[in-house]
C-alpha atoms as a PDB file:
ATOM      1  CA  UNK A   1      41.414 200.093 189.611  1.00  0.00           C
ATOM      2  CA  UNK A   2      44.851 200.875 188.246  1.00  0.00           C
ATOM      3  CA  UNK A   3      46.572 204.170 189.179  1.00  0.00           C
ATOM      4  CA  UNK A   4      46.153 205.609 185.665  1.00  0.00           C
ATOM      5  CA  UNK A   5      42.442 204.784 185.588  1.00  0.00           C
ATOM      6  CA  UNK A   6      41.805 206.381 188.948  1.00  0.00           C
ATOM      7  CA  UNK A   7      43.905 209.466 188.224  1.00  0.00           C
ATOM      8  CA  UNK A   8      42.417 210.069 184.771  1.00  0.00           C
ATOM      9  CA  UNK A   9      38.797 209.173 185.561  1.00  0.00           C
ATOM     10  CA  UNK A  10      38.141 209.839 189.244  1.00  0.00           C
ATOM     11  CA  UNK A  11      40.790 211.951 190.947  1.00  0.00           C
ATOM     12  CA  UNK A  12      39.657 215.403 189.733  1.00  0.00           C
ATOM     13  CA  UNK A  13      36.059 214.746 190.811  1.00  0.00           C
ATOM     14  CA  UNK A  14      37.195 213.382 194.187  1.00  0.00           C
ATOM     15  CA  UNK A  15      39.478 216.371 194.614  1.00  0.00           C
ATOM     16  CA  UNK A  16      36.707 218.833 193.711  1.00  0.00           C
ATOM     17  CA  UNK A  17      34.436 217.236 196.316  1.00  0.00           C
ATOM     18  CA  UNK A  18      37.240 217.402 198.885  1.00  0.00           C
ATOM     19  CA  UNK A  19      37.699 221.120 198.111  1.00  0.00           C
ATOM     20  CA  UNK A  20      33.954 221.758 198.399  1.00  0.00           C
ATOM     21  CA  UNK A  21      33.912 220.157 201.863  1.00  0.00           C
ATOM     22  CA  UNK A  22      36.987 221.975 203.103  1.00  0.00           C
ATOM     23  CA  UNK A  23      36.255 224.863 205.393  1.00  0.00           C
ATOM     24  CA  UNK A  24      39.907 225.921 205.516  1.00  0.00           C
ATOM     25  CA  UNK A  25      40.735 226.429 201.814  1.00  0.00           C
ATOM     26  CA  UNK A  26      42.164 229.913 201.426  1.00  0.00           C
ATOM     27  CA  UNK A  27      44.504 232.095 199.421  1.00  0.00           C
ATOM     28  CA  UNK A  28      47.574 233.845 200.681  1.00  0.00           C
ATOM     29  CA  UNK A  29      47.832 237.344 199.153  1.00  0.00           C
ATOM     30  CA  UNK A  30      49.062 237.121 195.563  1.00  0.00           C
ATOM     31  CA  UNK A  31      49.414 233.327 195.687  1.00  0.00           C
ATOM     32  CA  UNK A  32      47.560 230.146 194.806  1.00  0.00           C
ATOM     33  CA  UNK A  33      44.964 228.159 196.723  1.00  0.00           C
ATOM     34  CA  UNK A  34      46.213 226.646 199.973  1.00  0.00           C
ATOM     35  CA  UNK A  35      44.754 223.820 202.046  1.00  0.00           C
ATOM     36  CA  UNK A  36      45.993 222.991 205.544  1.00  0.00           C
ATOM     37  CA  UNK A  37      47.152 219.378 205.803  1.00  0.00           C
ATOM     38  CA  UNK A  38      44.914 218.838 208.817  1.00  0.00           C
ATOM     39  CA  UNK A  39      41.972 219.360 206.456  1.00  0.00           C
ATOM     40  CA  UNK A  40      42.687 215.856 205.112  1.00  0.00           C
ATOM     41  CA  UNK A  41      40.281 214.414 207.663  1.00  0.00           C
ATOM     42  CA  UNK A  42      37.171 212.237 208.039  1.00  0.00           C
ATOM     43  CA  UNK A  43      34.766 215.033 207.123  1.00  0.00           C
ATOM     44  CA  UNK A  44      36.475 216.351 203.998  1.00  0.00           C
ATOM     45  CA  UNK A  45      37.453 212.894 202.760  1.00  0.00           C
ATOM     46  CA  UNK A  46      34.239 211.010 203.604  1.00  0.00           C
ATOM     47  CA  UNK A  47      33.550 210.459 199.888  1.00  0.00           C
ATOM     48  CA  UNK A  48      36.884 208.624 199.445  1.00  0.00           C
ATOM     49  CA  UNK A  49      36.521 206.687 202.695  1.00  0.00           C
ATOM     50  CA  UNK A  50      34.196 204.220 200.982  1.00  0.00           C
ATOM     51  CA  UNK A  51      37.010 201.694 201.163  1.00  0.00           C
ATOM     52  CA  UNK A  52      40.714 201.778 202.104  1.00  0.00           C
ATOM     53  CA  UNK A  53      41.800 201.449 198.456  1.00  0.00           C
ATOM     54  CA  UNK A  54      39.840 204.539 197.441  1.00  0.00           C
ATOM     55  CA  UNK A  55      41.423 206.568 200.242  1.00  0.00           C
ATOM     56  CA  UNK A  56      44.876 205.281 199.318  1.00  0.00           C
ATOM     57  CA  UNK A  57      44.442 206.135 195.636  1.00  0.00           C
ATOM     58  CA  UNK A  58      43.225 209.645 196.451  1.00  0.00           C
ATOM     59  CA  UNK A  59      46.063 210.401 198.861  1.00  0.00           C
ATOM     60  CA  UNK A  60      48.760 209.019 196.556  1.00  0.00           C
ATOM     61  CA  UNK A  61      47.492 211.053 193.604  1.00  0.00           C
ATOM     62  CA  UNK A  62      47.318 214.136 195.800  1.00  0.00           C
ATOM     63  CA  UNK A  63      50.878 213.536 197.031  1.00  0.00           C
ATOM     64  CA  UNK A  64      52.238 213.268 193.490  1.00  0.00           C
ATOM     65  CA  UNK A  65      50.385 216.356 192.260  1.00  0.00           C
ATOM     66  CA  UNK A  66      51.790 218.276 195.230  1.00  0.00           C
ATOM     67  CA  UNK A  67      55.275 216.897 194.500  1.00  0.00           C
ATOM     68  CA  UNK A  68      55.421 218.019 190.878  1.00  0.00           C
ATOM     69  CA  UNK A  69      53.886 221.393 191.749  1.00  0.00           C
ATOM     70  CA  UNK A  70      56.596 221.970 194.361  1.00  0.00           C
ATOM     71  CA  UNK A  71      59.332 220.861 191.964  1.00  0.00           C
ATOM     72  CA  UNK A  72      58.141 223.275 189.292  1.00  0.00           C
ATOM     73  CA  UNK A  73      57.764 226.151 191.756  1.00  0.00           C
ATOM     74  CA  UNK A  74      61.183 225.540 193.309  1.00  0.00           C
ATOM     75  CA  UNK A  75      63.325 224.760 190.279  1.00  0.00           C
ATOM     76  CA  UNK A  76      61.494 226.202 187.264  1.00  0.00           C
ATOM     77  CA  UNK A  77      59.914 229.352 188.641  1.00  0.00           C
ATOM     78  CA  UNK A  78      59.982 231.115 185.248  1.00  0.00           C
ATOM     79  CA  UNK A  79      57.732 228.403 183.857  1.00  0.00           C
ATOM     80  CA  UNK A  80      55.572 227.912 186.916  1.00  0.00           C
ATOM     81  CA  UNK A  81      52.813 230.272 185.705  1.00  0.00           C
ATOM     82  CA  UNK A  82      52.247 228.211 182.583  1.00  0.00           C
ATOM     83  CA  UNK A  83      52.453 224.962 184.581  1.00  0.00           C
ATOM     84  CA  UNK A  84      49.950 226.239 187.155  1.00  0.00           C
ATOM     85  CA  UNK A  85      47.504 227.379 184.464  1.00  0.00           C
ATOM     86  CA  UNK A  86      47.585 223.872 182.938  1.00  0.00           C
ATOM     87  CA  UNK A  87      47.382 221.818 186.131  1.00  0.00           C
ATOM     88  CA  UNK A  88      45.533 224.049 188.640  1.00  0.00           C
ATOM     89  CA  UNK A  89      47.169 222.158 191.510  1.00  0.00           C
ATOM     90  CA  UNK A  90      46.716 223.636 194.973  1.00  0.00           C
ATOM     91  CA  UNK A  91      49.236 223.878 197.783  1.00  0.00           C
ATOM     92  CA  UNK A  92      48.972 221.775 200.936  1.00  0.00           C
ATOM     93  CA  UNK A  93      50.464 223.549 203.938  1.00  0.00           C
ATOM     94  CA  UNK A  94      51.136 222.847 207.584  1.00  0.00           C
ATOM     95  CA  UNK A  95      48.355 224.642 209.515  1.00  0.00           C
ATOM     96  CA  UNK A  96      47.763 228.078 208.009  1.00  0.00           C
ATOM     97  CA  UNK A  97      51.449 228.850 207.756  1.00  0.00           C
ATOM     98  CA  UNK A  98      52.305 229.263 204.064  1.00  0.00           C
ATOM     99  CA  UNK A  99      54.824 226.445 204.707  1.00  0.00           C
ATOM    100  CA  UNK A 100      54.282 223.719 202.123  1.00  0.00           C
ATOM    101  CA  UNK A 101      53.653 220.201 203.368  1.00  0.00           C
ATOM    102  CA  UNK A 102      56.004 217.496 202.174  1.00  0.00           C
ATOM    103  CA  UNK A 103      54.261 215.214 199.647  1.00  0.00           C
ATOM    104  CA  UNK A 104      55.399 212.118 201.513  1.00  0.00           C
ATOM    105  CA  UNK A 105      53.640 213.384 204.662  1.00  0.00           C
ATOM    106  CA  UNK A 106      50.439 213.157 202.621  1.00  0.00           C
ATOM    107  CA  UNK A 107      51.346 209.706 201.250  1.00  0.00           C
ATOM    108  CA  UNK A 108      52.063 208.394 204.759  1.00  0.00           C
ATOM    109  CA  UNK A 109      48.435 208.982 205.669  1.00  0.00           C
ATOM    110  CA  UNK A 110      47.572 206.206 203.209  1.00  0.00           C
ATOM    111  CA  UNK A 111      50.265 203.639 204.115  1.00  0.00           C
ATOM    112  CA  UNK A 112      50.752 200.665 201.807  1.00  0.00           C
ATOM    113  CA  UNK A 113      54.213 200.847 200.240  1.00  0.00           C
ATOM    114  CA  UNK A 114      53.399 198.071 197.758  1.00  0.00           C
ATOM    115  CA  UNK A 115      50.483 200.060 196.349  1.00  0.00           C
ATOM    116  CA  UNK A 116      52.597 203.211 196.459  1.00  0.00           C
ATOM    117  CA  UNK A 117      55.105 201.508 194.126  1.00  0.00           C
ATOM    118  CA  UNK A 118      52.399 201.158 191.481  1.00  0.00           C
ATOM    119  CA  UNK A 119      51.613 204.858 191.779  1.00  0.00           C
ATOM    120  CA  UNK A 120      55.314 205.743 191.632  1.00  0.00           C
ATOM    121  CA  UNK A 121      55.568 203.765 188.374  1.00  0.00           C
ATOM    122  CA  UNK A 122      52.523 205.478 186.923  1.00  0.00           C
ATOM    123  CA  UNK A 123      53.493 209.023 187.934  1.00  0.00           C
ATOM    124  CA  UNK A 124      57.045 208.554 186.732  1.00  0.00           C
ATOM    125  CA  UNK A 125      55.626 207.757 183.284  1.00  0.00           C
ATOM    126  CA  UNK A 126      52.906 210.415 183.509  1.00  0.00           C
ATOM    127  CA  UNK A 127      55.392 213.156 184.431  1.00  0.00           C
ATOM    128  CA  UNK A 128      57.649 212.092 181.571  1.00  0.00           C
ATOM    129  CA  UNK A 129      54.798 212.214 179.045  1.00  0.00           C
ATOM    130  CA  UNK A 130      53.565 215.550 180.399  1.00  0.00           C
ATOM    131  CA  UNK A 131      56.931 217.262 180.008  1.00  0.00           C
ATOM    132  CA  UNK A 132      57.522 215.736 176.588  1.00  0.00           C
ATOM    133  CA  UNK A 133      54.143 217.105 175.390  1.00  0.00           C
ATOM    134  CA  UNK A 134      54.201 220.557 176.988  1.00  0.00           C
ATOM    135  CA  UNK A 135      57.482 221.860 175.535  1.00  0.00           C
ATOM    136  CA  UNK A 136      58.459 224.140 178.401  1.00  0.00           C
ATOM    137  CA  UNK A 137      61.601 226.094 177.444  1.00  0.00           C
ATOM    138  CA  UNK A 138      63.754 224.722 180.255  1.00  0.00           C
ATOM    139  CA  UNK A 139      61.606 222.238 182.191  1.00  0.00           C
ATOM    140  CA  UNK A 140      62.075 219.203 179.992  1.00  0.00           C
ATOM    141  CA  UNK A 141      61.771 215.692 181.380  1.00  0.00           C
ATOM    142  CA  UNK A 142      65.514 215.128 181.774  1.00  0.00           C
ATOM    143  CA  UNK A 143      65.968 218.337 183.793  1.00  0.00           C
ATOM    144  CA  UNK A 144      62.875 217.729 185.927  1.00  0.00           C
ATOM    145  CA  UNK A 145      63.995 214.146 186.582  1.00  0.00           C
ATOM    146  CA  UNK A 146      67.498 215.346 187.473  1.00  0.00           C
ATOM    147  CA  UNK A 147      66.349 217.970 189.974  1.00  0.00           C
ATOM    148  CA  UNK A 148      64.042 215.448 191.644  1.00  0.00           C
ATOM    149  CA  UNK A 149      66.840 212.885 191.946  1.00  0.00           C
ATOM    150  CA  UNK A 150      69.141 215.521 193.450  1.00  0.00           C
ATOM    151  CA  UNK A 151      66.574 216.897 195.906  1.00  0.00           C
ATOM    152  CA  UNK A 152      67.092 215.280 199.315  1.00  0.00           C
ATOM    153  CA  UNK A 153      63.457 215.897 200.286  1.00  0.00           C
ATOM    154  CA  UNK A 154      62.110 214.177 197.177  1.00  0.00           C
ATOM    155  CA  UNK A 155      64.259 211.090 197.772  1.00  0.00           C
ATOM    156  CA  UNK A 156      63.959 210.913 201.572  1.00  0.00           C
ATOM    157  CA  UNK A 157      62.114 208.303 203.603  1.00  0.00           C
ATOM    158  CA  UNK A 158      60.542 205.089 202.379  1.00  0.00           C
ATOM    159  CA  UNK A 159      58.205 206.803 199.936  1.00  0.00           C
ATOM    160  CA  UNK A 160      60.915 209.038 198.516  1.00  0.00           C
ATOM    161  CA  UNK A 161      63.338 206.139 198.103  1.00  0.00           C
ATOM    162  CA  UNK A 162      60.757 204.119 196.207  1.00  0.00           C
ATOM    163  CA  UNK A 163      59.925 207.042 193.925  1.00  0.00           C
ATOM    164  CA  UNK A 164      63.570 207.916 193.264  1.00  0.00           C
ATOM    165  CA  UNK A 165      64.401 204.265 192.536  1.00  0.00           C
ATOM    166  CA  UNK A 166      61.686 204.356 189.859  1.00  0.00           C
ATOM    167  CA  UNK A 167      63.117 207.636 188.513  1.00  0.00           C
ATOM    168  CA  UNK A 168      66.592 206.115 188.259  1.00  0.00           C
ATOM    169  CA  UNK A 169      65.166 203.198 186.259  1.00  0.00           C
ATOM    170  CA  UNK A 170      63.489 205.481 183.725  1.00  0.00           C
END
């Protein structure tokens, strides 16, 4: 299954099942839904553990949704409310700390850099199409792309380098 097919057809259902199994989902006062990274475990992900590819697809999609949510919250705070109401993405945190987990820490749980490249290609295009369609006042694709390329955390490590290489090519 190609990244687009999985993301568009299966990811939301897999994510909803993950959320239903999580015993640690919570809200910090006045904030969004948070999930501790250690909740990405055998029990909460048993439905995506049917095969390694399913697990990989789920974790890569989760990593990219967390990435774009963090980018919007960090760099386009004035438009984050609208973004959040459209996407409904949660936050993944380290323990119950209100400290956001790095997306690539989620991706590393899946491994497979070759497969990750396919997801980086897809999400690069998906992000571009999303921002072209949504017409945020200041968060257009060129600005979002630029802040990601200039963010050392986005471009760090093997996963970040692959993603940022794809961004530079777009």
